């Protein structure tokens, strides 16, 4: 059967976007392959992905993987207290007879939960603040957002988080809130710098000429072009957020006993150094492992998006 294409049919298909999809889809697929190749060829990135996935899986399956799940809560066994690492307790036991390995496995949960909640909160908030400031550059909206951002950026994040957490009741939720209040300006500043450049592009000017609303331009035109840099920073920030959360717990401003938080475990174990070295050393190694894994993963994601062709 012979297929005849006339001008009217081509116009209909063009308006529906069918022809553009046929033309762009192979390019998008090719770009995704290039991005994955750039990520996968770096052995450190692959290691970061494997370790990060393993940590997430261990955190999810903690009640089934931990040798002694009950030791993650209110539990004491003075008959097993202060035992060094052995086949029965691979990471030893603490001064209350709790298995350190089981508590470290559950500690991954709180560390990942803190990083997830903080980033899910600050990434949209900071990105929206930055993109609106970049879109309304030269207006009072931009001045208000960016001056507020500068005020928060003037203080070190850890110091500001400790100051906020010290005013509130020490618990996991308030520690997350303190980190959120100190972390959103970094995304606001980053997105603002990129948004001011994107605003001068022809496709933004074209959208303004045809009468597109400000909200549509921001959400449909500007944000999609800033997504890669935001995701890259978010992946690199996971380890830093976990470190700050552990630091708050270490000084008593985060999770409170008997919550098996890694920072709290390091602080409790430090009281018995060097005799009970394993009670502080193994939780500290777990923190180091998580931060290293997500930093390697973030570096791989950064290199991966660097190959993206828009």
Protein backbone atom coordinates (compact mmCIF):
# COMPACT_ATOMS: atom_id res chain seq x y z
CA UNK A 1 0.00 0.00 0.00
CA UNK A 2 1.45 3.35 -0.99
CA UNK A 3 1.53 6.06 1.64
CA UNK A 4 1.10 9.59 0.32
CA UNK A 5 2.08 12.52 2.53
CA UNK A 6 0.49 15.87 1.74
CA UNK A 7 1.14 19.26 3.29
CA UNK A 8 -1.99 19.17 5.44
CA UNK A 9 -1.04 15.84 7.03
CA UNK A 10 2.48 17.06 7.77
CA UNK A 11 1.11 20.21 9.38
CA UNK A 12 -1.26 18.20 11.60
CA UNK A 13 1.51 15.87 12.73
CA UNK A 14 3.84 18.78 13.35
CA UNK A 15 1.30 20.59 15.52
CA UNK A 16 0.65 17.41 17.51
CA UNK A 17 4.36 17.08 18.24
CA UNK A 18 4.57 13.62 16.65
CA UNK A 19 7.34 14.49 14.21
CA UNK A 20 9.36 16.32 16.85
CA UNK A 21 9.14 13.29 19.14
CA UNK A 22 10.38 11.04 16.36
CA UNK A 23 13.31 13.36 15.81
CA UNK A 24 14.22 14.06 19.45
CA UNK A 25 13.66 10.65 21.04
CA UNK A 26 16.74 9.01 19.47
CA UNK A 27 18.86 12.00 20.53
CA UNK A 28 17.59 11.79 24.09
CA UNK A 29 18.27 8.06 24.18
CA UNK A 30 21.76 8.61 22.85
CA UNK A 31 22.41 11.30 25.46
CA UNK A 32 21.27 8.98 28.24
CA UNK A 33 23.65 6.31 26.99
CA UNK A 34 26.51 8.81 26.96
CA UNK A 35 25.67 9.97 30.48
CA UNK A 36 25.59 6.43 31.81
CA UNK A 37 28.85 5.59 30.02
CA UNK A 38 30.53 8.61 31.64
CA UNK A 39 29.27 7.51 35.05
CA UNK A 40 30.00 3.80 34.69
CA UNK A 41 33.54 4.13 33.33
CA UNK A 42 34.71 5.68 36.60
CA UNK A 43 35.38 2.82 39.07
CA UNK A 44 35.03 5.15 42.07
CA UNK A 45 31.57 6.19 40.91
CA UNK A 46 30.55 2.56 40.53
CA UNK A 47 31.89 1.81 44.00
CA UNK A 48 29.95 4.73 45.42
CA UNK A 49 26.76 3.54 43.76
CA UNK A 50 27.19 -0.03 45.02
CA UNK A 51 28.02 1.01 48.59
CA UNK A 52 25.24 3.60 48.71
CA UNK A 53 22.70 1.09 47.42
CA UNK A 54 23.93 -1.46 49.97
CA UNK A 55 23.60 1.04 52.82
CA UNK A 56 20.07 1.98 51.76
CA UNK A 57 19.12 -1.69 51.49
CA UNK A 58 20.60 -2.46 54.91
CA UNK A 59 18.71 0.46 56.43
CA UNK A 60 15.41 -0.70 54.94
CA UNK A 61 15.90 -4.30 56.02
CA UNK A 62 17.43 -3.45 59.41
CA UNK A 63 14.88 -5.42 61.52
CA UNK A 64 15.64 -8.54 59.47
CA UNK A 65 19.41 -8.10 59.05
CA UNK A 66 20.43 -6.94 62.53
CA UNK A 67 21.63 -9.86 64.71
CA UNK A 68 19.87 -8.42 67.78
CA UNK A 69 17.04 -6.07 66.69
CA UNK A 70 15.84 -5.55 70.28
CA UNK A 71 19.16 -3.90 71.13
CA UNK A 72 18.15 -0.87 69.06
CA UNK A 73 15.71 0.28 71.75
CA UNK A 74 15.39 0.12 75.51
CA UNK A 75 17.53 -2.89 76.34
CA UNK A 76 20.15 -3.78 78.92
CA UNK A 77 22.10 -6.98 79.55
CA UNK A 78 24.78 -6.40 82.13
CA UNK A 79 25.93 -9.99 81.71
CA UNK A 80 27.14 -9.11 78.18
CA UNK A 81 28.36 -5.56 78.79
CA UNK A 82 31.67 -4.26 77.40
CA UNK A 83 32.43 -7.38 75.37
CA UNK A 84 35.17 -6.93 72.72
CA UNK A 85 34.51 -7.87 69.09
CA UNK A 86 33.95 -11.62 68.66
CA UNK A 87 32.06 -14.07 66.45
CA UNK A 88 28.97 -13.62 68.61
CA UNK A 89 29.20 -9.82 68.56
CA UNK A 90 31.21 -8.72 65.52
CA UNK A 91 31.41 -5.09 66.69
CA UNK A 92 31.41 -5.94 70.39
CA UNK A 93 28.92 -4.68 72.98
CA UNK A 94 28.61 -1.33 74.78
CA UNK A 95 28.54 -0.61 78.51
CA UNK A 96 24.87 -1.67 78.68
CA UNK A 97 25.42 -5.00 76.91
CA UNK A 98 23.88 -3.89 73.59
CA UNK A 99 25.23 -5.23 70.32
CA UNK A 100 27.09 -2.41 68.56
CA UNK A 101 26.63 -3.92 65.09
CA UNK A 102 22.85 -4.05 65.45
CA UNK A 103 22.75 -0.47 66.63
CA UNK A 104 24.97 0.66 63.74
CA UNK A 105 22.64 -1.01 61.24
CA UNK A 106 19.66 0.83 62.73
CA UNK A 107 21.79 3.97 62.88
CA UNK A 108 21.94 3.99 59.09
CA UNK A 109 18.17 4.48 59.12
CA UNK A 110 18.31 7.70 61.10
CA UNK A 111 21.22 9.08 59.09
CA UNK A 112 19.53 8.42 55.74
CA UNK A 113 16.18 9.63 57.04
CA UNK A 114 17.73 12.92 58.14
CA UNK A 115 19.45 13.43 54.79
CA UNK A 116 16.27 12.56 52.86
CA UNK A 117 13.96 14.82 54.90
CA UNK A 118 16.38 17.76 54.83
CA UNK A 119 17.05 17.58 51.09
CA UNK A 120 13.41 16.98 50.18
CA UNK A 121 12.61 20.14 52.12
CA UNK A 122 15.45 22.50 51.21
CA UNK A 123 15.98 21.60 47.54
CA UNK A 124 12.51 22.72 46.35
CA UNK A 125 12.40 25.68 48.76
CA UNK A 126 15.87 26.99 47.92
CA UNK A 127 15.52 26.31 44.20
CA UNK A 128 12.19 28.12 43.95
CA UNK A 129 13.56 31.09 45.88
CA UNK A 130 16.59 31.26 43.59
CA UNK A 131 14.70 30.88 40.32
CA UNK A 132 12.14 33.55 41.23
CA UNK A 133 14.94 35.88 42.31
CA UNK A 134 16.66 35.25 38.98
CA UNK A 135 13.47 35.79 37.00
CA UNK A 136 12.63 39.05 38.80
CA UNK A 137 16.21 40.29 38.76
CA UNK A 138 16.46 44.02 39.46
CA UNK A 139 13.16 44.12 41.36
CA UNK A 140 12.36 44.25 45.10
CA UNK A 141 11.57 40.51 44.96
CA UNK A 142 15.15 39.73 43.95
CA UNK A 143 16.58 42.13 46.53
CA UNK A 144 14.51 40.64 49.38
CA UNK A 145 15.31 36.99 48.54
CA UNK A 146 19.01 37.48 47.91
CA UNK A 147 19.66 39.73 50.93
CA UNK A 148 17.96 37.15 53.15
CA UNK A 149 20.10 34.50 51.50
CA UNK A 150 23.27 36.52 52.16
CA UNK A 151 22.37 36.84 55.84
CA UNK A 152 22.11 33.06 56.25
CA UNK A 153 25.26 32.43 54.18
CA UNK A 154 27.26 34.80 56.39
CA UNK A 155 27.33 32.17 59.16
CA UNK A 156 28.92 28.69 58.96
CA UNK A 157 26.19 26.05 58.54
CA UNK A 158 27.28 23.92 61.50
CA UNK A 159 27.48 26.90 63.87
CA UNK A 160 24.07 28.19 62.79
CA UNK A 161 22.54 24.72 63.04
CA UNK A 162 23.91 24.33 66.58
CA UNK A 163 22.58 27.75 67.53
CA UNK A 164 19.10 26.93 66.25
CA UNK A 165 19.07 23.41 67.73
CA UNK A 166 20.23 24.66 71.13
CA UNK A 167 17.15 26.88 71.39
CA UNK A 168 14.81 23.98 70.63
CA UNK A 169 14.22 20.73 72.47
CA UNK A 170 16.96 18.25 71.49
CA UNK A 171 15.47 15.54 69.26
CA UNK A 172 15.71 14.26 65.71
CA UNK A 173 12.90 16.45 64.34
CA UNK A 174 14.37 19.69 65.69
CA UNK A 175 17.81 18.71 64.42
CA UNK A 176 16.32 18.32 60.93
CA UNK A 177 14.60 21.68 61.28
CA UNK A 178 17.85 23.35 62.31
CA UNK A 179 19.70 21.92 59.30
CA UNK A 180 16.87 22.92 56.94
CA UNK A 181 17.03 26.53 58.12
CA UNK A 182 20.76 26.65 57.41
CA UNK A 183 20.86 24.72 54.13
CA UNK A 184 18.28 26.30 51.78
CA UNK A 185 20.40 29.44 51.02
CA UNK A 186 23.04 27.35 49.23
CA UNK A 187 20.46 26.21 46.68
CA UNK A 188 18.99 29.69 46.44
CA UNK A 189 22.38 31.19 45.60
CA UNK A 190 23.29 28.42 43.15
CA UNK A 191 19.98 28.51 41.24
CA UNK A 192 19.92 32.31 41.24
CA UNK A 193 23.25 32.48 39.45
CA UNK A 194 22.11 30.01 36.80
CA UNK A 195 18.63 31.51 36.46
CA UNK A 196 19.99 34.98 35.67
CA UNK A 197 21.90 33.44 32.74
CA UNK A 198 19.00 31.33 31.49
CA UNK A 199 16.65 34.35 31.62
CA UNK A 200 18.55 35.95 28.74
CA UNK A 201 18.14 32.93 26.46
CA UNK A 202 15.96 33.26 23.35
CA UNK A 203 13.44 30.62 24.40
CA UNK A 204 12.66 32.61 27.57
CA UNK A 205 12.25 35.81 25.59
CA UNK A 206 10.05 34.00 23.11
CA UNK A 207 7.81 32.73 25.90
CA UNK A 208 7.48 36.27 27.23
CA UNK A 209 6.64 37.61 23.78
CA UNK A 210 3.79 35.15 23.22
CA UNK A 211 2.31 36.13 26.59
CA UNK A 212 3.21 33.16 28.79
CA UNK A 213 2.66 33.82 32.48
CA UNK A 214 5.55 34.20 34.90
CA UNK A 215 4.63 30.99 36.69
CA UNK A 216 4.57 29.05 33.44
CA UNK A 217 7.95 30.43 32.37
CA UNK A 218 9.54 29.61 35.72
CA UNK A 219 8.16 26.08 36.04
CA UNK A 220 8.03 25.01 32.38
CA UNK A 221 11.02 26.79 30.86
CA UNK A 222 13.58 27.75 33.51
CA UNK A 223 13.43 25.01 36.15
CA UNK A 224 13.81 22.06 33.71
CA UNK A 225 17.04 23.62 32.43
CA UNK A 226 18.37 23.96 35.98
CA UNK A 227 17.43 20.47 37.09
CA UNK A 228 20.78 18.83 36.36
CA UNK A 229 22.85 21.24 38.45
CA UNK A 230 20.37 21.03 41.35
CA UNK A 231 20.42 17.22 41.34
CA UNK A 232 24.21 17.23 41.20
CA UNK A 233 24.49 19.47 44.26
CA UNK A 234 21.83 17.47 46.12
CA UNK A 235 23.74 14.23 45.57
CA UNK A 236 26.95 15.84 46.82
CA UNK A 237 25.16 17.29 49.86
CA UNK A 238 23.87 13.96 51.20
CA UNK A 239 27.15 13.16 52.93
CA UNK A 240 27.52 16.68 54.33
CA UNK A 241 24.00 16.67 55.77
CA UNK A 242 24.67 13.29 57.41
CA UNK A 243 27.90 14.66 58.90
CA UNK A 244 26.20 17.76 60.32
CA UNK A 245 23.37 15.62 61.71
CA UNK A 246 25.91 13.34 63.39
CA UNK A 247 27.73 16.39 64.76
CA UNK A 248 24.51 17.70 66.33
CA UNK A 249 23.89 14.30 67.90
CA UNK A 250 27.49 14.13 69.11
CA UNK A 251 27.08 17.33 71.16
CA UNK A 252 23.67 16.23 72.46
CA UNK A 253 21.48 18.41 70.20
CA UNK A 254 20.17 15.62 67.97
CA UNK A 255 18.77 12.16 68.61
CA UNK A 256 18.61 11.24 72.27
CA UNK A 257 19.36 7.85 73.89
CA UNK A 258 18.39 5.09 73.46
CA UNK A 259 17.90 6.04 69.78
CA UNK A 260 20.68 4.25 67.85
CA UNK A 261 22.01 7.35 66.12
CA UNK A 262 25.59 7.04 64.87
CA UNK A 263 26.64 10.44 66.24
CA UNK A 264 25.16 9.68 69.65
CA UNK A 265 26.90 6.29 69.68
CA UNK A 266 30.26 7.93 68.98
CA UNK A 267 29.68 10.42 71.78
CA UNK A 268 28.73 7.68 74.26
CA UNK A 269 31.66 5.48 73.23
CA UNK A 270 34.14 8.34 73.52
CA UNK A 271 33.57 8.38 77.28
CA UNK A 272 35.15 4.94 77.58
CA UNK A 273 38.20 5.39 75.35
CA UNK A 274 40.64 3.75 75.01
CA UNK A 275 39.42 0.70 76.93
CA UNK A 276 36.16 0.22 75.01
CA UNK A 277 37.52 1.55 71.73
CA UNK A 278 35.07 -0.45 69.61
CA UNK A 279 32.02 1.39 70.98
CA UNK A 280 33.21 4.62 69.31
CA UNK A 281 35.40 3.33 66.49
CA UNK A 282 32.82 1.24 64.61
CA UNK A 283 30.03 3.89 64.60
CA UNK A 284 32.61 6.44 63.42
CA UNK A 285 33.69 4.08 60.63
CA UNK A 286 30.03 3.68 59.61
CA UNK A 287 29.67 7.47 59.35
CA UNK A 288 32.85 7.64 57.28
CA UNK A 289 31.63 4.85 54.98
CA UNK A 290 28.27 6.50 54.32
CA UNK A 291 29.76 9.93 53.66
CA UNK A 292 32.47 8.51 51.38
CA UNK A 293 29.96 6.42 49.42
CA UNK A 294 27.58 9.29 48.74
CA UNK A 295 30.42 11.67 47.89
CA UNK A 296 31.72 9.21 45.30
CA UNK A 297 28.20 8.79 43.98
CA UNK A 298 27.78 12.56 43.82
CA UNK A 299 31.03 12.94 41.87
CA UNK A 300 29.79 10.36 39.39
CA UNK A 301 26.45 12.14 38.98
CA UNK A 302 28.29 15.42 38.44
CA UNK A 303 30.39 13.89 35.67
CA UNK A 304 27.32 12.20 34.22
CA UNK A 305 25.35 15.44 33.87
CA UNK A 306 28.41 17.17 32.47
CA UNK A 307 27.94 15.07 29.31
CA UNK A 308 24.28 15.99 28.94
CA UNK A 309 23.34 17.62 25.68
CA UNK A 310 20.27 19.83 25.88
